[in-house]
Amino acid sequence: GFDFAVAEECGRYDECADYATAYGNRVFVIEYTARDFSKACSAVGAKLSVVHRDLDVRPAGQKGYVFRTC
């Protein structure tokens, strides 16, 4: 098995709780839209690491850079 999971867009598809069931708090959630980020934060933000990133994963300081956590 695996020790942890990186779950992209699980907020969008309502899958974050499933990852938490399988991996406990060893899940890193990545969301690419503000809507899905808010959804994931509401659903599992108290238990899991949730990050909002820009889809191109731009470096800090570059136009379009997004990095938020909850």
PDB file of N, CA and C in Angstrom:
ATOM      1  N   GLY A   1       0.812  -1.184   0.000  1.00  0.00           N
ATOM      2  CA  GLY A   1       0.000   0.000   0.000  1.00  0.00           C
ATOM      3  C   GLY A   1       0.854   1.246   0.000  1.00  0.00           C
ATOM      4  N   PHE A   2       0.185   2.337   0.156  1.00  0.00           N
ATOM      5  CA  PHE A   2       0.823   3.649   0.160  1.00  0.00           C
ATOM      6  C   PHE A   2       0.696   4.276   1.535  1.00  0.00           C
ATOM      7  N   ASP A   3       1.629   5.154   1.873  1.00  0.00           N
ATOM      8  CA  ASP A   3       1.620   5.820   3.169  1.00  0.00           C
ATOM      9  C   ASP A   3       0.785   7.087   3.178  1.00  0.00           C
ATOM     10  N   PHE A   4       0.585   7.695   2.004  1.00  0.00           N
ATOM     11  CA  PHE A   4      -0.159   8.945   1.918  1.00  0.00           C
ATOM     12  C   PHE A   4      -0.748   9.079   0.515  1.00  0.00           C
ATOM     13  N   ALA A   5      -1.595  10.109   0.347  1.00  0.00           N
ATOM     14  CA  ALA A   5      -2.196  10.356  -0.966  1.00  0.00           C
ATOM     15  C   ALA A   5      -2.145  11.844  -1.282  1.00  0.00           C
ATOM     16  N   VAL A   6      -1.933  12.160  -2.549  1.00  0.00           N
ATOM     17  CA  VAL A   6      -2.099  13.507  -3.073  1.00  0.00           C
ATOM     18  C   VAL A   6      -3.367  13.447  -3.913  1.00  0.00           C
ATOM     19  N   ALA A   7      -4.380  14.156  -3.466  1.00  0.00           N
ATOM     20  CA  ALA A   7      -5.698  14.065  -4.102  1.00  0.00           C
ATOM     21  C   ALA A   7      -6.015  15.373  -4.824  1.00  0.00           C
ATOM     22  N   GLU A   8      -5.869  15.368  -6.137  1.00  0.00           N
ATOM     23  CA  GLU A   8      -6.209  16.541  -6.920  1.00  0.00           C
ATOM     24  C   GLU A   8      -7.707  16.539  -7.207  1.00  0.00           C
ATOM     25  N   GLU A   9      -8.332  17.678  -6.947  1.00  0.00           N
ATOM     26  CA  GLU A   9      -9.736  17.933  -7.262  1.00  0.00           C
ATOM     27  C   GLU A   9     -10.711  16.986  -6.562  1.00  0.00           C
ATOM     28  N   CYS A  10     -10.359  16.465  -5.404  1.00  0.00           N
ATOM     29  CA  CYS A  10     -11.319  15.603  -4.700  1.00  0.00           C
ATOM     30  C   CYS A  10     -12.501  16.422  -4.181  1.00  0.00           C
ATOM     31  N   GLY A  11     -12.302  17.724  -3.944  1.00  0.00           N
ATOM     32  CA  GLY A  11     -13.420  18.585  -3.553  1.00  0.00           C
ATOM     33  C   GLY A  11     -14.429  18.718  -4.674  1.00  0.00           C
ATOM     34  N   ARG A  12     -13.934  18.829  -5.879  1.00  0.00           N
ATOM     35  CA  ARG A  12     -14.799  18.951  -7.058  1.00  0.00           C
ATOM     36  C   ARG A  12     -15.678  17.711  -7.222  1.00  0.00           C
ATOM     37  N   TYR A  13     -15.120  16.553  -6.951  1.00  0.00           N
ATOM     38  CA  TYR A  13     -15.834  15.297  -7.183  1.00  0.00           C
ATOM     39  C   TYR A  13     -16.339  14.626  -5.904  1.00  0.00           C
ATOM     40  N   ASP A  14     -16.325  15.369  -4.791  1.00  0.00           N
ATOM     41  CA  ASP A  14     -16.819  14.852  -3.498  1.00  0.00           C
ATOM     42  C   ASP A  14     -16.139  13.545  -3.090  1.00  0.00           C
ATOM     43  N   GLU A  15     -14.823  13.471  -3.262  1.00  0.00           N
ATOM     44  CA  GLU A  15     -14.076  12.257  -2.932  1.00  0.00           C
ATOM     45  C   GLU A  15     -13.135  12.422  -1.737  1.00  0.00           C
ATOM     46  N   CYS A  16     -13.028  13.622  -1.175  1.00  0.00           N
ATOM     47  CA  CYS A  16     -12.046  13.870  -0.110  1.00  0.00           C
ATOM     48  C   CYS A  16     -12.281  12.991   1.113  1.00  0.00           C
ATOM     49  N   ALA A  17     -13.520  12.810   1.507  1.00  0.00           N
ATOM     50  CA  ALA A  17     -13.815  11.969   2.675  1.00  0.00           C
ATOM     51  C   ALA A  17     -13.389  10.526   2.425  1.00  0.00           C
ATOM     52  N   ASP A  18     -13.500  10.064   1.194  1.00  0.00           N
ATOM     53  CA  ASP A  18     -13.055   8.705   0.860  1.00  0.00           C
ATOM     54  C   ASP A  18     -11.544   8.566   1.043  1.00  0.00           C
ATOM     55  N   TYR A  19     -10.806   9.582   0.623  1.00  0.00           N
ATOM     56  CA  TYR A  19      -9.355   9.560   0.830  1.00  0.00           C
ATOM     57  C   TYR A  19      -9.027   9.563   2.317  1.00  0.00           C
ATOM     58  N   ALA A  20      -9.746  10.373   3.097  1.00  0.00           N
ATOM     59  CA  ALA A  20      -9.509  10.439   4.542  1.00  0.00           C
ATOM     60  C   ALA A  20      -9.807   9.102   5.207  1.00  0.00           C
ATOM     61  N   THR A  21     -10.826   8.410   4.742  1.00  0.00           N
ATOM     62  CA  THR A  21     -11.146   7.089   5.286  1.00  0.00           C
ATOM     63  C   THR A  21     -10.000   6.112   5.027  1.00  0.00           C
ATOM     64  N   ALA A  22      -9.425   6.179   3.853  1.00  0.00           N
ATOM     65  CA  ALA A  22      -8.356   5.248   3.480  1.00  0.00           C
ATOM     66  C   ALA A  22      -6.999   5.622   4.079  1.00  0.00           C
ATOM     67  N   TYR A  23      -6.705   6.934   4.181  1.00  0.00           N
ATOM     68  CA  TYR A  23      -5.360   7.371   4.566  1.00  0.00           C
ATOM     69  C   TYR A  23      -5.302   8.190   5.851  1.00  0.00           C
ATOM     70  N   GLY A  24      -6.436   8.359   6.527  1.00  0.00           N
ATOM     71  CA  GLY A  24      -6.434   9.185   7.735  1.00  0.00           C
ATOM     72  C   GLY A  24      -6.097  10.623   7.373  1.00  0.00           C
ATOM     73  N   ASN A  25      -5.252  11.250   8.182  1.00  0.00           N
ATOM     74  CA  ASN A  25      -4.893  12.643   7.899  1.00  0.00           C
ATOM     75  C   ASN A  25      -3.671  12.759   6.983  1.00  0.00           C
ATOM     76  N   ARG A  26      -3.274  11.668   6.372  1.00  0.00           N
ATOM     77  CA  ARG A  26      -2.111  11.656   5.478  1.00  0.00           C
ATOM     78  C   ARG A  26      -2.539  11.877   4.020  1.00  0.00           C
ATOM     79  N   VAL A  27      -3.364  12.905   3.824  1.00  0.00           N
ATOM     80  CA  VAL A  27      -3.869  13.251   2.491  1.00  0.00           C
ATOM     81  C   VAL A  27      -3.560  14.723   2.234  1.00  0.00           C
ATOM     82  N   PHE A  28      -3.019  15.012   1.074  1.00  0.00           N
ATOM     83  CA  PHE A  28      -2.756  16.379   0.648  1.00  0.00           C
ATOM     84  C   PHE A  28      -3.716  16.684  -0.493  1.00  0.00           C
ATOM     85  N   VAL A  29      -4.623  17.612  -0.249  1.00  0.00           N
ATOM     86  CA  VAL A  29      -5.668  17.954  -1.212  1.00  0.00           C
ATOM     87  C   VAL A  29      -5.221  19.184  -2.002  1.00  0.00           C
ATOM     88  N   ILE A  30      -5.302  19.094  -3.326  1.00  0.00           N
ATOM     89  CA  ILE A  30      -4.975  20.217  -4.202  1.00  0.00           C
ATOM     90  C   ILE A  30      -6.217  20.550  -5.018  1.00  0.00           C
ATOM     91  N   GLU A  31      -6.655  21.809  -4.923  1.00  0.00           N
ATOM     92  CA  GLU A  31      -7.791  22.282  -5.709  1.00  0.00           C
ATOM     93  C   GLU A  31      -7.324  23.437  -6.585  1.00  0.00           C
ATOM     94  N   TYR A  32      -7.930  23.571  -7.765  1.00  0.00           N
ATOM     95  CA  TYR A  32      -7.489  24.566  -8.731  1.00  0.00           C
ATOM     96  C   TYR A  32      -8.494  25.687  -8.960  1.00  0.00           C
ATOM     97  N   THR A  33      -9.696  25.593  -8.392  1.00  0.00           N
ATOM     98  CA  THR A  33     -10.662  26.686  -8.501  1.00  0.00           C
ATOM     99  C   THR A  33     -11.067  27.122  -7.101  1.00  0.00           C
ATOM    100  N   ALA A  34     -11.437  28.392  -6.970  1.00  0.00           N
ATOM    101  CA  ALA A  34     -11.850  28.922  -5.668  1.00  0.00           C
ATOM    102  C   ALA A  34     -13.081  28.180  -5.149  1.00  0.00           C
ATOM    103  N   ARG A  35     -13.990  27.857  -6.038  1.00  0.00           N
ATOM    104  CA  ARG A  35     -15.213  27.143  -5.639  1.00  0.00           C
ATOM    105  C   ARG A  35     -14.885  25.776  -5.046  1.00  0.00           C
ATOM    106  N   ASP A  36     -14.048  25.008  -5.727  1.00  0.00           N
ATOM    107  CA  ASP A  36     -13.702  23.668  -5.252  1.00  0.00           C
ATOM    108  C   ASP A  36     -12.831  23.732  -4.000  1.00  0.00           C
ATOM    109  N   PHE A  37     -11.981  24.752  -3.901  1.00  0.00           N
ATOM    110  CA  PHE A  37     -11.179  24.958  -2.701  1.00  0.00           C
ATOM    111  C   PHE A  37     -12.089  25.195  -1.497  1.00  0.00           C
ATOM    112  N   SER A  38     -13.070  26.080  -1.646  1.00  0.00           N
ATOM    113  CA  SER A  38     -14.013  26.353  -0.554  1.00  0.00           C
ATOM    114  C   SER A  38     -14.790  25.103  -0.172  1.00  0.00           C
ATOM    115  N   LYS A  39     -15.186  24.353  -1.171  1.00  0.00           N
ATOM    116  CA  LYS A  39     -15.931  23.112  -0.942  1.00  0.00           C
ATOM    117  C   LYS A  39     -15.087  22.106  -0.149  1.00  0.00           C
ATOM    118  N   ALA A  40     -13.839  21.920  -0.541  1.00  0.00           N
ATOM    119  CA  ALA A  40     -12.952  20.988   0.156  1.00  0.00           C
ATOM    120  C   ALA A  40     -12.648  21.474   1.568  1.00  0.00           C
ATOM    121  N   CYS A  41     -12.431  22.773   1.730  1.00  0.00           N
ATOM    122  CA  CYS A  41     -12.162  23.320   3.066  1.00  0.00           C
ATOM    123  C   CYS A  41     -13.336  23.076   4.001  1.00  0.00           C
ATOM    124  N   SER A  42     -14.540  23.293   3.504  1.00  0.00           N
ATOM    125  CA  SER A  42     -15.731  23.058   4.326  1.00  0.00           C
ATOM    126  C   SER A  42     -15.884  21.591   4.685  1.00  0.00           C
ATOM    127  N   ALA A  43     -15.590  20.725   3.734  1.00  0.00           N
ATOM    128  CA  ALA A  43     -15.799  19.285   3.941  1.00  0.00           C
ATOM    129  C   ALA A  43     -14.719  18.646   4.814  1.00  0.00           C
ATOM    130  N   VAL A  44     -13.451  18.962   4.562  1.00  0.00           N
ATOM    131  CA  VAL A  44     -12.367  18.233   5.243  1.00  0.00           C
ATOM    132  C   VAL A  44     -11.225  19.114   5.729  1.00  0.00           C
ATOM    133  N   GLY A  45     -11.374  20.424   5.626  1.00  0.00           N
ATOM    134  CA  GLY A  45     -10.289  21.329   5.990  1.00  0.00           C
ATOM    135  C   GLY A  45      -9.815  21.209   7.425  1.00  0.00           C
ATOM    136  N   ALA A  46     -10.689  20.773   8.324  1.00  0.00           N
ATOM    137  CA  ALA A  46     -10.292  20.602   9.727  1.00  0.00           C
ATOM    138  C   ALA A  46      -9.438  19.350   9.926  1.00  0.00           C
ATOM    139  N   LYS A  47      -9.491  18.420   8.966  1.00  0.00           N
ATOM    140  CA  LYS A  47      -8.783  17.141   9.097  1.00  0.00           C
ATOM    141  C   LYS A  47      -7.594  17.002   8.154  1.00  0.00           C
ATOM    142  N   LEU A  48      -7.706  17.597   6.961  1.00  0.00           N
ATOM    143  CA  LEU A  48      -6.703  17.384   5.916  1.00  0.00           C
ATOM    144  C   LEU A  48      -6.056  18.699   5.491  1.00  0.00           C
ATOM    145  N   SER A  49      -4.881  18.598   4.898  1.00  0.00           N
ATOM    146  CA  SER A  49      -4.199  19.745   4.314  1.00  0.00           C
ATOM    147  C   SER A  49      -4.832  20.040   2.954  1.00  0.00           C
ATOM    148  N   VAL A  50      -5.433  21.220   2.820  1.00  0.00           N
ATOM    149  CA  VAL A  50      -6.085  21.605   1.566  1.00  0.00           C
ATOM    150  C   VAL A  50      -5.371  22.840   1.014  1.00  0.00           C
ATOM    151  N   VAL A  51      -4.981  22.768  -0.251  1.00  0.00           N
ATOM    152  CA  VAL A  51      -4.246  23.845  -0.906  1.00  0.00           C
ATOM    153  C   VAL A  51      -4.970  24.247  -2.184  1.00  0.00           C
ATOM    154  N   HIS A  52      -5.072  25.561  -2.403  1.00  0.00           N
ATOM    155  CA  HIS A  52      -5.598  26.102  -3.661  1.00  0.00           C
ATOM    156  C   HIS A  52      -4.395  26.580  -4.461  1.00  0.00           C
ATOM    157  N   ARG A  53      -4.189  26.044  -5.647  1.00  0.00           N
ATOM    158  CA  ARG A  53      -3.071  26.419  -6.511  1.00  0.00           C
ATOM    159  C   ARG A  53      -3.585  26.789  -7.886  1.00  0.00           C
ATOM    160  N   ASP A  54      -2.787  27.584  -8.577  1.00  0.00           N
ATOM    161  CA  ASP A  54      -3.078  27.851  -9.981  1.00  0.00           C
ATOM    162  C   ASP A  54      -2.721  26.600 -10.778  1.00  0.00           C
ATOM    163  N   LEU A  55      -3.447  26.364 -11.825  1.00  0.00           N
ATOM    164  CA  LEU A  55      -3.293  25.132 -12.606  1.00  0.00           C
ATOM    165  C   LEU A  55      -1.891  24.984 -13.205  1.00  0.00           C
ATOM    166  N   ASP A  56      -1.258  26.102 -13.523  1.00  0.00           N
ATOM    167  CA  ASP A  56       0.083  26.043 -14.109  1.00  0.00           C
ATOM    168  C   ASP A  56       1.185  25.947 -13.057  1.00  0.00           C
ATOM    169  N   VAL A  57       0.823  25.983 -11.788  1.00  0.00           N
ATOM    170  CA  VAL A  57       1.766  25.909 -10.660  1.00  0.00           C
ATOM    171  C   VAL A  57       2.919  26.898 -10.883  1.00  0.00           C
ATOM    172  N   ARG A  58       2.532  28.158 -11.058  1.00  0.00           N
ATOM    173  CA  ARG A  58       3.504  29.229 -11.294  1.00  0.00           C
ATOM    174  C   ARG A  58       4.308  29.530 -10.028  1.00  0.00           C
ATOM    175  N   PRO A  59       5.506  30.073 -10.186  1.00  0.00           N
ATOM    176  CA  PRO A  59       6.292  30.456  -9.011  1.00  0.00           C
ATOM    177  C   PRO A  59       5.737  31.728  -8.364  1.00  0.00           C
ATOM    178  N   ALA A  60       5.988  31.881  -7.072  1.00  0.00           N
ATOM    179  CA  ALA A  60       5.544  33.071  -6.342  1.00  0.00           C
ATOM    180  C   ALA A  60       6.073  34.320  -7.031  1.00  0.00           C
ATOM    181  N   GLY A  61       5.216  35.336  -7.117  1.00  0.00           N
ATOM    182  CA  GLY A  61       5.600  36.587  -7.750  1.00  0.00           C
ATOM    183  C   GLY A  61       5.225  36.675  -9.214  1.00  0.00           C
ATOM    184  N   GLN A  62       4.959  35.545  -9.841  1.00  0.00           N
ATOM    185  CA  GLN A  62       4.584  35.557 -11.254  1.00  0.00           C
ATOM    186  C   GLN A  62       3.089  35.826 -11.377  1.00  0.00           C
ATOM    187  N   LYS A  63       2.700  36.540 -12.424  1.00  0.00           N
ATOM    188  CA  LYS A  63       1.293  36.832 -12.678  1.00  0.00           C
ATOM    189  C   LYS A  63       0.498  35.530 -12.732  1.00  0.00           C
ATOM    190  N   GLY A  64      -0.632  35.491 -12.018  1.00  0.00           N
ATOM    191  CA  GLY A  64      -1.481  34.309 -12.006  1.00  0.00           C
ATOM    192  C   GLY A  64      -1.170  33.323 -10.894  1.00  0.00           C
ATOM    193  N   TYR A  65      -0.120  33.594 -10.115  1.00  0.00           N
ATOM    194  CA  TYR A  65       0.252  32.708  -9.004  1.00  0.00           C
ATOM    195  C   TYR A  65      -0.862  32.677  -7.966  1.00  0.00           C
ATOM    196  N   VAL A  66      -1.232  31.480  -7.531  1.00  0.00           N
ATOM    197  CA  VAL A  66      -2.234  31.294  -6.476  1.00  0.00           C
ATOM    198  C   VAL A  66      -1.704  30.257  -5.498  1.00  0.00           C
ATOM    199  N   PHE A  67      -1.746  30.593  -4.224  1.00  0.00           N
ATOM    200  CA  PHE A  67      -1.420  29.628  -3.170  1.00  0.00           C
ATOM    201  C   PHE A  67      -2.171  30.045  -1.920  1.00  0.00           C
ATOM    202  N   ARG A  68      -3.158  29.237  -1.542  1.00  0.00           N
ATOM    203  CA  ARG A  68      -3.920  29.460  -0.309  1.00  0.00           C
ATOM    204  C   ARG A  68      -4.084  28.128   0.384  1.00  0.00           C
ATOM    205  N   THR A  69      -4.227  28.168   1.691  1.00  0.00           N
ATOM    206  CA  THR A  69      -4.486  26.954   2.463  1.00  0.00           C
ATOM    207  C   THR A  69      -5.647  27.202   3.406  1.00  0.00           C
ATOM    208  N   CYS A  70      -6.212  26.127   3.899  1.00  0.00           N
ATOM    209  CA  CYS A  70      -7.241  26.248   4.933  1.00  0.00           C
ATOM    210  C   CYS A  70      -7.008  25.187   5.981  1.00  0.00           C
TER     211      CYS A  70
END
